[in-house]
C-alpha atoms as a PDB file:
ATOM      1  CA  MET A   1      41.354-118.330-121.069  1.00  0.00           C
ATOM      2  CA  THR A   2      44.434-115.864-121.825  1.00  0.00           C
ATOM      3  CA  GLY A   3      44.927-112.330-120.393  1.00  0.00           C
ATOM      4  CA  ARG A   4      45.813-112.463-116.680  1.00  0.00           C
ATOM      5  CA  GLN A   5      48.392-110.101-114.852  1.00  0.00           C
ATOM      6  CA  THR A   6      49.833-110.506-111.959  1.00  0.00           C
ATOM      7  CA  MET A   7      49.584-107.229-110.292  1.00  0.00           C
ATOM      8  CA  ALA A   8      50.056-106.143-106.418  1.00  0.00           C
ATOM      9  CA  GLU A   9      46.850-103.510-106.648  1.00  0.00           C
ATOM     10  CA  ALA A  10      44.864-104.498-109.069  1.00  0.00           C
ATOM     11  CA  THR A  11      41.452-102.865-108.654  1.00  0.00           C
ATOM     12  CA  VAL A  12      39.170-105.916-110.185  1.00  0.00           C
ATOM     13  CA  THR A  13      40.363-109.221-109.149  1.00  0.00           C
ATOM     14  CA  VAL A  14      38.743-112.368-110.817  1.00  0.00           C
ATOM     15  CA  ARG A  15      40.227-115.834-109.917  1.00  0.00           C
ATOM     16  CA  GLY A  16      38.263-119.285-111.106  1.00  0.00           C
ATOM     17  CA  LEU A  17      34.712-117.437-111.636  1.00  0.00           C
ATOM     18  CA  ALA A  18      32.432-120.556-113.108  1.00  0.00           C
ATOM     19  CA  LYS A  19      28.989-119.699-115.012  1.00  0.00           C
ATOM     20  CA  THR A  20      26.470-122.046-115.895  1.00  0.00           C
ATOM     21  CA  PHE A  21      23.023-121.096-117.165  1.00  0.00           C
ATOM     22  CA  ILE A  22      19.982-124.242-116.174  1.00  0.00           C
ATOM     23  CA  LEU A  23      17.232-124.575-118.875  1.00  0.00           C
ATOM     24  CA  HIS A  24      14.781-125.520-116.958  1.00  0.00           C
ATOM     25  CA  LEU A  25      12.231-125.156-119.917  1.00  0.00           C
ATOM     26  CA  GLN A  26      14.530-127.561-122.072  1.00  0.00           C
ATOM     27  CA  GLY A  27      14.510-130.141-119.473  1.00  0.00           C
ATOM     28  CA  GLY A  28      16.981-129.159-117.251  1.00  0.00           C
ATOM     29  CA  ILE A  29      19.839-128.859-120.041  1.00  0.00           C
ATOM     30  CA  ARG A  30      23.173-126.960-118.369  1.00  0.00           C
ATOM     31  CA  LEU A  31      24.912-124.714-120.414  1.00  0.00           C
ATOM     32  CA  PRO A  32      28.206-123.854-119.000  1.00  0.00           C
ATOM     33  CA  VAL A  33      29.255-120.381-120.285  1.00  0.00           C
ATOM     34  CA  LEU A  34      32.514-119.326-117.845  1.00  0.00           C
ATOM     35  CA  GLN A  35      34.797-121.657-116.429  1.00  0.00           C
ATOM     36  CA  GLY A  36      37.919-120.872-114.489  1.00  0.00           C
ATOM     37  CA  VAL A  37      38.116-116.920-115.558  1.00  0.00           C
ATOM     38  CA  ASP A  38      41.408-115.231-114.357  1.00  0.00           C
ATOM     39  CA  LEU A  39      41.629-111.313-114.279  1.00  0.00           C
ATOM     40  CA  ASP A  40      43.431-108.482-113.182  1.00  0.00           C
ATOM     41  CA  VAL A  41      42.623-104.812-113.968  1.00  0.00           C
ATOM     42  CA  GLN A  42      44.328-102.007-112.703  1.00  0.00           C
ATOM     43  CA  ALA A  43      43.819 -98.563-112.382  1.00  0.00           C
ATOM     44  CA  GLY A  44      44.297 -96.863-115.316  1.00  0.00           C
ATOM     45  CA  GLU A  45      43.374-100.043-117.588  1.00  0.00           C
ATOM     46  CA  CYS A  46      40.761-100.376-119.981  1.00  0.00           C
ATOM     47  CA  VAL A  47      40.274-104.748-120.908  1.00  0.00           C
ATOM     48  CA  ALA A  48      38.212-105.188-123.594  1.00  0.00           C
ATOM     49  CA  LEU A  49      36.960-109.265-123.849  1.00  0.00           C
ATOM     50  CA  ASN A  50      37.763-110.365-127.035  1.00  0.00           C
ATOM     51  CA  GLY A  51      36.171-113.482-128.484  1.00  0.00           C
ATOM     52  CA  PRO A  52      33.163-114.631-130.515  1.00  0.00           C
ATOM     53  CA  SER A  53      29.806-114.079-130.006  1.00  0.00           C
ATOM     54  CA  GLY A  54      28.518-116.548-127.578  1.00  0.00           C
ATOM     55  CA  VAL A  55      31.893-117.001-125.475  1.00  0.00           C
ATOM     56  CA  GLY A  56      30.959-115.217-122.519  1.00  0.00           C
ATOM     57  CA  LYS A  57      31.591-111.632-122.562  1.00  0.00           C
ATOM     58  CA  SER A  58      27.957-110.031-121.741  1.00  0.00           C
ATOM     59  CA  THR A  59      28.027-112.757-119.152  1.00  0.00           C
ATOM     60  CA  LEU A  60      31.023-112.105-117.727  1.00  0.00           C
ATOM     61  CA  LEU A  61      30.527-108.237-116.990  1.00  0.00           C
ATOM     62  CA  ARG A  62      26.796-109.392-115.492  1.00  0.00           C
ATOM     63  CA  CYS A  63      28.589-111.382-113.060  1.00  0.00           C
ATOM     64  CA  LEU A  64      31.083-108.115-112.381  1.00  0.00           C
ATOM     65  CA  TYR A  65      28.545-106.084-111.659  1.00  0.00           C
ATOM     66  CA  GLY A  66      26.699-108.355-109.400  1.00  0.00           C
ATOM     67  CA  ASN A  67      23.350-109.322-111.869  1.00  0.00           C
ATOM     68  CA  TYR A  68      24.405-112.999-112.196  1.00  0.00           C
ATOM     69  CA  ARG A  69      25.348-114.934-109.111  1.00  0.00           C
ATOM     70  CA  ALA A  70      28.444-116.765-109.797  1.00  0.00           C
ATOM     71  CA  ASP A  71      28.758-120.739-109.172  1.00  0.00           C
ATOM     72  CA  ALA A  72      31.799-120.579-108.221  1.00  0.00           C
ATOM     73  CA  GLY A  73      34.934-118.568-107.864  1.00  0.00           C
ATOM     74  CA  HIS A  74      36.193-114.925-107.023  1.00  0.00           C
ATOM     75  CA  ILE A  75      35.422-111.083-108.079  1.00  0.00           C
ATOM     76  CA  THR A  76      36.720-108.908-105.271  1.00  0.00           C
ATOM     77  CA  LEU A  77      37.017-105.187-106.264  1.00  0.00           C
ATOM     78  CA  ARG A  78      38.054-102.160-104.059  1.00  0.00           C
ATOM     79  CA  ASP A  79      35.479 -99.508-102.392  1.00  0.00           C
ATOM     80  CA  GLU A  80      36.251 -96.582-100.488  1.00  0.00           C
ATOM     81  CA  GLY A  81      39.319 -98.855 -99.410  1.00  0.00           C
ATOM     82  CA  ILE A  82      37.636-102.405 -98.591  1.00  0.00           C
ATOM     83  CA  VAL A  83      37.778-105.296-100.071  1.00  0.00           C
ATOM     84  CA  VAL A  84      34.463-106.875-101.650  1.00  0.00           C
ATOM     85  CA  ASP A  85      33.461-109.445-103.185  1.00  0.00           C
ATOM     86  CA  MET A  86      30.878-109.485-105.673  1.00  0.00           C
ATOM     87  CA  ALA A  87      30.037-113.190-106.033  1.00  0.00           C
ATOM     88  CA  THR A  88      29.389-113.872-102.442  1.00  0.00           C
ATOM     89  CA  ALA A  89      28.373-110.237-101.275  1.00  0.00           C
ATOM     90  CA  GLU A  90      24.823-109.475 -99.967  1.00  0.00           C
ATOM     91  CA  PRO A  91      22.346-107.934-102.445  1.00  0.00           C
ATOM     92  CA  ARG A  92      22.028-104.648-100.340  1.00  0.00           C
ATOM     93  CA  HIS A  93      26.132-104.439-100.421  1.00  0.00           C
ATOM     94  CA  ILE A  94      26.209-104.772-103.976  1.00  0.00           C
ATOM     95  CA  LEU A  95      24.108-102.443-104.192  1.00  0.00           C
ATOM     96  CA  ALA A  96      25.906-100.084-102.471  1.00  0.00           C
ATOM     97  CA  VAL A  97      28.607-101.177-103.843  1.00  0.00           C
ATOM     98  CA  ARG A  98      27.508 -99.833-107.234  1.00  0.00           C
ATOM     99  CA  ARG A  99      26.305 -96.669-105.809  1.00  0.00           C
ATOM    100  CA  ARG A 100      29.777 -95.441-104.909  1.00  0.00           C
ATOM    101  CA  SER A 101      32.674 -97.602-106.503  1.00  0.00           C
ATOM    102  CA  LEU A 102      31.152 -99.174-109.838  1.00  0.00           C
ATOM    103  CA  GLY A 103      29.289 -97.669-112.913  1.00  0.00           C
ATOM    104  CA  TYR A 104      28.180 -99.869-116.069  1.00  0.00           C
ATOM    105  CA  VAL A 105      27.494 -98.460-119.214  1.00  0.00           C
ATOM    106  CA  SER A 106      25.018-100.949-121.363  1.00  0.00           C
ATOM    107  CA  GLN A 107      23.647-100.474-124.532  1.00  0.00           C
ATOM    108  CA  PHE A 108      20.322 -99.646-123.503  1.00  0.00           C
ATOM    109  CA  LEU A 109      18.684 -97.136-121.118  1.00  0.00           C
ATOM    110  CA  ARG A 110      16.789 -97.780-118.732  1.00  0.00           C
ATOM    111  CA  VAL A 111      14.900 -95.357-116.102  1.00  0.00           C
ATOM    112  CA  VAL A 112      11.687 -93.912-114.756  1.00  0.00           C
ATOM    113  CA  PRO A 113       9.576 -92.777-117.578  1.00  0.00           C
ATOM    114  CA  ARG A 114       9.211 -88.810-117.406  1.00  0.00           C
ATOM    115  CA  VAL A 115      12.112 -87.968-115.760  1.00  0.00           C
ATOM    116  CA  PRO A 116      13.892 -85.312-117.731  1.00  0.00           C
ATOM    117  CA  ALA A 117      17.042 -85.987-119.315  1.00  0.00           C
ATOM    118  CA  ILE A 118      18.798 -83.732-116.584  1.00  0.00           C
ATOM    119  CA  ASP A 119      17.702 -85.575-113.753  1.00  0.00           C
ATOM    120  CA  VAL A 120      18.326 -89.091-115.102  1.00  0.00           C
ATOM    121  CA  VAL A 121      22.143 -87.894-115.770  1.00  0.00           C
ATOM    122  CA  ALA A 122      22.280 -86.226-112.244  1.00  0.00           C
ATOM    123  CA  GLU A 123      20.478 -88.493-110.480  1.00  0.00           C
ATOM    124  CA  PRO A 124      24.033 -90.850-109.435  1.00  0.00           C
ATOM    125  CA  LEU A 125      25.334 -87.630-107.912  1.00  0.00           C
ATOM    126  CA  ARG A 126      22.229 -87.227-105.642  1.00  0.00           C
ATOM    127  CA  ALA A 127      22.308 -90.636-104.609  1.00  0.00           C
ATOM    128  CA  LEU A 128      25.467 -90.101-103.253  1.00  0.00           C
ATOM    129  CA  GLY A 129      24.137 -86.936-101.018  1.00  0.00           C
ATOM    130  CA  VAL A 130      25.663 -84.317-104.016  1.00  0.00           C
ATOM    131  CA  SER A 131      23.698 -81.331-103.844  1.00  0.00           C
ATOM    132  CA  GLU A 132      20.825 -80.500-106.312  1.00  0.00           C
ATOM    133  CA  GLU A 133      22.491 -77.425-108.173  1.00  0.00           C
ATOM    134  CA  ALA A 134      25.824 -79.274-108.076  1.00  0.00           C
ATOM    135  CA  ALA A 135      24.232 -82.652-109.711  1.00  0.00           C
ATOM    136  CA  ARG A 136      22.921 -80.130-112.231  1.00  0.00           C
ATOM    137  CA  GLU A 137      25.789 -78.755-113.269  1.00  0.00           C
ATOM    138  CA  ARG A 138      27.643 -81.760-113.880  1.00  0.00           C
ATOM    139  CA  ALA A 139      24.661 -83.072-115.914  1.00  0.00           C
ATOM    140  CA  ARG A 140      25.132 -79.683-117.809  1.00  0.00           C
ATOM    141  CA  ALA A 141      28.416 -80.111-118.941  1.00  0.00           C
ATOM    142  CA  LEU A 142      28.279 -83.649-119.894  1.00  0.00           C
ATOM    143  CA  LEU A 143      25.233 -83.319-121.820  1.00  0.00           C
ATOM    144  CA  GLN A 144      26.837 -80.228-123.813  1.00  0.00           C
ATOM    145  CA  ARG A 145      29.875 -82.336-124.198  1.00  0.00           C
ATOM    146  CA  LEU A 146      27.925 -85.219-125.691  1.00  0.00           C
ATOM    147  CA  HIS A 147      25.540 -82.893-127.986  1.00  0.00           C
ATOM    148  CA  ILE A 148      22.696 -83.531-126.161  1.00  0.00           C
ATOM    149  CA  PRO A 149      20.641 -79.846-127.666  1.00  0.00           C
ATOM    150  CA  GLU A 150      19.862 -77.798-124.592  1.00  0.00           C
ATOM    151  CA  ARG A 151      15.950 -77.643-126.413  1.00  0.00           C
ATOM    152  CA  LEU A 152      15.939 -81.862-124.700  1.00  0.00           C
ATOM    153  CA  TRP A 153      17.394 -81.243-121.526  1.00  0.00           C
ATOM    154  CA  ALA A 154      14.105 -81.262-119.497  1.00  0.00           C
ATOM    155  CA  LEU A 155      12.287 -83.537-122.060  1.00  0.00           C
ATOM    156  CA  PRO A 156      12.240 -87.252-120.809  1.00  0.00           C
ATOM    157  CA  PRO A 157      14.928 -89.630-122.493  1.00  0.00           C
ATOM    158  CA  ALA A 158      11.802 -91.738-124.240  1.00  0.00           C
ATOM    159  CA  THR A 159      10.484 -89.223-126.329  1.00  0.00           C
ATOM    160  CA  PHE A 160      14.326 -89.115-128.258  1.00  0.00           C
ATOM    161  CA  SER A 161      15.879 -91.254-130.739  1.00  0.00           C
ATOM    162  CA  GLY A 162      18.407 -94.257-130.182  1.00  0.00           C
ATOM    163  CA  GLY A 163      21.751 -92.161-130.147  1.00  0.00           C
ATOM    164  CA  GLU A 164      20.571 -89.611-128.099  1.00  0.00           C
ATOM    165  CA  GLN A 165      19.395 -91.973-125.717  1.00  0.00           C
ATOM    166  CA  GLN A 166      22.311 -93.801-125.816  1.00  0.00           C
ATOM    167  CA  ARG A 167      24.448 -90.723-125.377  1.00  0.00           C
ATOM    168  CA  ILE A 168      22.288 -90.219-121.963  1.00  0.00           C
ATOM    169  CA  ASN A 169      23.065 -93.300-120.957  1.00  0.00           C
ATOM    170  CA  ILE A 170      26.711 -92.487-121.302  1.00  0.00           C
ATOM    171  CA  ALA A 171      26.396 -89.340-119.640  1.00  0.00           C
ATOM    172  CA  ARG A 172      24.411 -91.083-116.760  1.00  0.00           C
ATOM    173  CA  GLY A 173      26.954 -93.460-116.588  1.00  0.00           C
ATOM    174  CA  PHE A 174      29.993 -91.213-115.966  1.00  0.00           C
ATOM    175  CA  ALA A 175      28.109 -88.463-113.970  1.00  0.00           C
ATOM    176  CA  HIS A 176      29.908 -89.919-111.109  1.00  0.00           C
ATOM    177  CA  SER A 177      33.722 -90.465-111.558  1.00  0.00           C
ATOM    178  CA  PHE A 178      33.574 -94.077-110.726  1.00  0.00           C
ATOM    179  CA  PRO A 179      36.703 -96.134-109.819  1.00  0.00           C
ATOM    180  CA  ILE A 180      35.577 -98.672-111.851  1.00  0.00           C
ATOM    181  CA  MET A 181      33.738 -99.045-114.847  1.00  0.00           C
ATOM    182  CA  LEU A 182      32.029-101.672-116.892  1.00  0.00           C
ATOM    183  CA  LEU A 183      30.939-101.066-120.141  1.00  0.00           C
ATOM    184  CA  ASP A 184      29.119-103.194-123.093  1.00  0.00           C
ATOM    185  CA  GLU A 185      29.376-101.452-126.320  1.00  0.00           C
ATOM    186  CA  PRO A 186      28.671 -97.822-125.273  1.00  0.00           C
ATOM    187  CA  THR A 187      29.002 -96.534-128.618  1.00  0.00           C
ATOM    188  CA  ALA A 188      26.954 -99.082-130.224  1.00  0.00           C
ATOM    189  CA  ALA A 189      24.168 -96.729-132.680  1.00  0.00           C
ATOM    190  CA  LEU A 190      26.285 -93.418-132.930  1.00  0.00           C
ATOM    191  CA  ASP A 191      27.195 -91.345-136.173  1.00  0.00           C
ATOM    192  CA  ALA A 192      31.251 -90.580-136.102  1.00  0.00           C
ATOM    193  CA  ASP A 193      30.974 -87.059-134.535  1.00  0.00           C
ATOM    194  CA  ASN A 194      29.503 -88.360-131.519  1.00  0.00           C
ATOM    195  CA  GLN A 195      30.999 -91.473-131.309  1.00  0.00           C
ATOM    196  CA  GLY A 196      33.932 -89.315-130.925  1.00  0.00           C
ATOM    197  CA  ALA A 197      32.863 -87.152-128.079  1.00  0.00           C
ATOM    198  CA  VAL A 198      31.813 -90.370-126.378  1.00  0.00           C
ATOM    199  CA  ILE A 199      35.652 -92.480-126.908  1.00  0.00           C
ATOM    200  CA  ASP A 200      37.030 -89.176-125.344  1.00  0.00           C
ATOM    201  CA  LEU A 201      34.909 -88.782-122.521  1.00  0.00           C
ATOM    202  CA  ILE A 202      35.616 -92.372-121.579  1.00  0.00           C
ATOM    203  CA  ARG A 203      39.496 -91.566-122.699  1.00  0.00           C
ATOM    204  CA  ASP A 204      39.819 -89.189-120.400  1.00  0.00           C
ATOM    205  CA  ALA A 205      38.230 -91.163-117.435  1.00  0.00           C
ATOM    206  CA  ARG A 206      41.039 -93.486-118.018  1.00  0.00           C
ATOM    207  CA  GLU A 207      43.716 -91.014-117.752  1.00  0.00           C
ATOM    208  CA  ARG A 208      42.244 -90.364-114.416  1.00  0.00           C
ATOM    209  CA  GLY A 209      42.720 -93.705-112.910  1.00  0.00           C
ATOM    210  CA  THR A 210      39.567 -95.891-113.908  1.00  0.00           C
ATOM    211  CA  ALA A 211      39.887 -99.229-114.276  1.00  0.00           C
ATOM    212  CA  MET A 212      37.488-100.361-117.530  1.00  0.00           C
ATOM    213  CA  VAL A 213      36.093-103.769-118.707  1.00  0.00           C
ATOM    214  CA  GLY A 214      34.067-103.190-121.986  1.00  0.00           C
ATOM    215  CA  ILE A 215      33.116-105.078-124.905  1.00  0.00           C
ATOM    216  CA  PHE A 216      33.610-103.410-128.521  1.00  0.00           C
ATOM    217  CA  HIS A 217      32.722-104.653-131.333  1.00  0.00           C
ATOM    218  CA  ASP A 218      34.209-101.471-133.497  1.00  0.00           C
ATOM    219  CA  PRO A 219      37.823-102.259-133.878  1.00  0.00           C
ATOM    220  CA  ALA A 220      38.733 -98.753-134.270  1.00  0.00           C
ATOM    221  CA  VAL A 221      37.026 -97.944-130.556  1.00  0.00           C
ATOM    222  CA  ARG A 222      38.744-100.740-128.921  1.00  0.00           C
ATOM    223  CA  GLN A 223      42.087 -99.421-130.514  1.00  0.00           C
ATOM    224  CA  ALA A 224      41.008 -96.184-129.427  1.00  0.00           C
ATOM    225  CA  LEU A 225      39.737 -96.955-126.103  1.00  0.00           C
ATOM    226  CA  ALA A 226      41.524-100.654-124.840  1.00  0.00           C
ATOM    227  CA  THR A 227      44.992-100.854-123.115  1.00  0.00           C
ATOM    228  CA  ARG A 228      44.987-104.656-123.439  1.00  0.00           C
ATOM    229  CA  LEU A 229      42.658-107.185-125.352  1.00  0.00           C
ATOM    230  CA  PHE A 230      41.593-110.594-122.453  1.00  0.00           C
ATOM    231  CA  ASP A 231      40.713-113.216-124.855  1.00  0.00           C
ATOM    232  CA  MET A 232      38.023-115.275-123.611  1.00  0.00           C
ATOM    233  CA  LYS A 233      37.278-118.945-125.528  1.00  0.00           C
ATOM    234  CA  PRO A 234      34.111-121.605-124.793  1.00  0.00           C
ATOM    235  CA  PRO A 235      34.848-123.689-121.440  1.00  0.00           C
END
C-alpha cells in the first residue's frame, strides 16, 4: 500500500494492520483483506481511501471504528488527550471512544424506530450530557442546513425518502464536533443541491481541524473533500 506519511502528532496512526476473514461455511477458507497497512491522519486532513472494489476500503473503516477486530497491528488515536489502541481495547472502552471522539457516517441510517428525527440528530449530544434544549437547538440548525423540512422534524426517519434518511444520518454524525470522523459514501443517493450542502458541512468540519478518513466513489465529491489519497491494493 502507498500513502504513508510521517507525522509526529498524528491524530490517527495505523501500523501493520492485518485482517483476514474465515469463511466457516465454505470449509474454513481464509480470505486475507488487509495486510501491513500503515496510515497516519492528522487534524484537518481528509484522507480518501482509493482503490478498486473489494480491496478492503470498508474493512479498513470498520477496523478503525472497532467493528472488526484486527488480526495484527495497531490503531492508535487520541481520546481526550489519551492514546487508545482500537485494535486491542476492550469493547466498553471502544464504546466510550465512539461517544466522545470518533464519529462514523455510514451509507445507512440505523436508529430506534418511532423516535422523531430531531431527537435522532440530538442523541449523540444527549449521550454526552448536553441539555435537551441545547442538543435540540444544534439539531434544528443541522436539519435546516441540510434542507430537511420542518414538518418532518417530529416524524420518525423510517417514513422518509432515502435521501432524507441519509441527510438525517449525516446530521446525527456531525451533531457533536468529533475530532475524528469516518465517512462511508456520505453523499450517496443525494441530488446535486443536497450533495452540495453535505460537502459544505464536511468541509467546514475539516477546516475546524477534524481528522477524516473516507470512501468517496464520486470523483467530484472526492476532489471537493480529500486533502490526499491513500492508495489501497490487494494483500
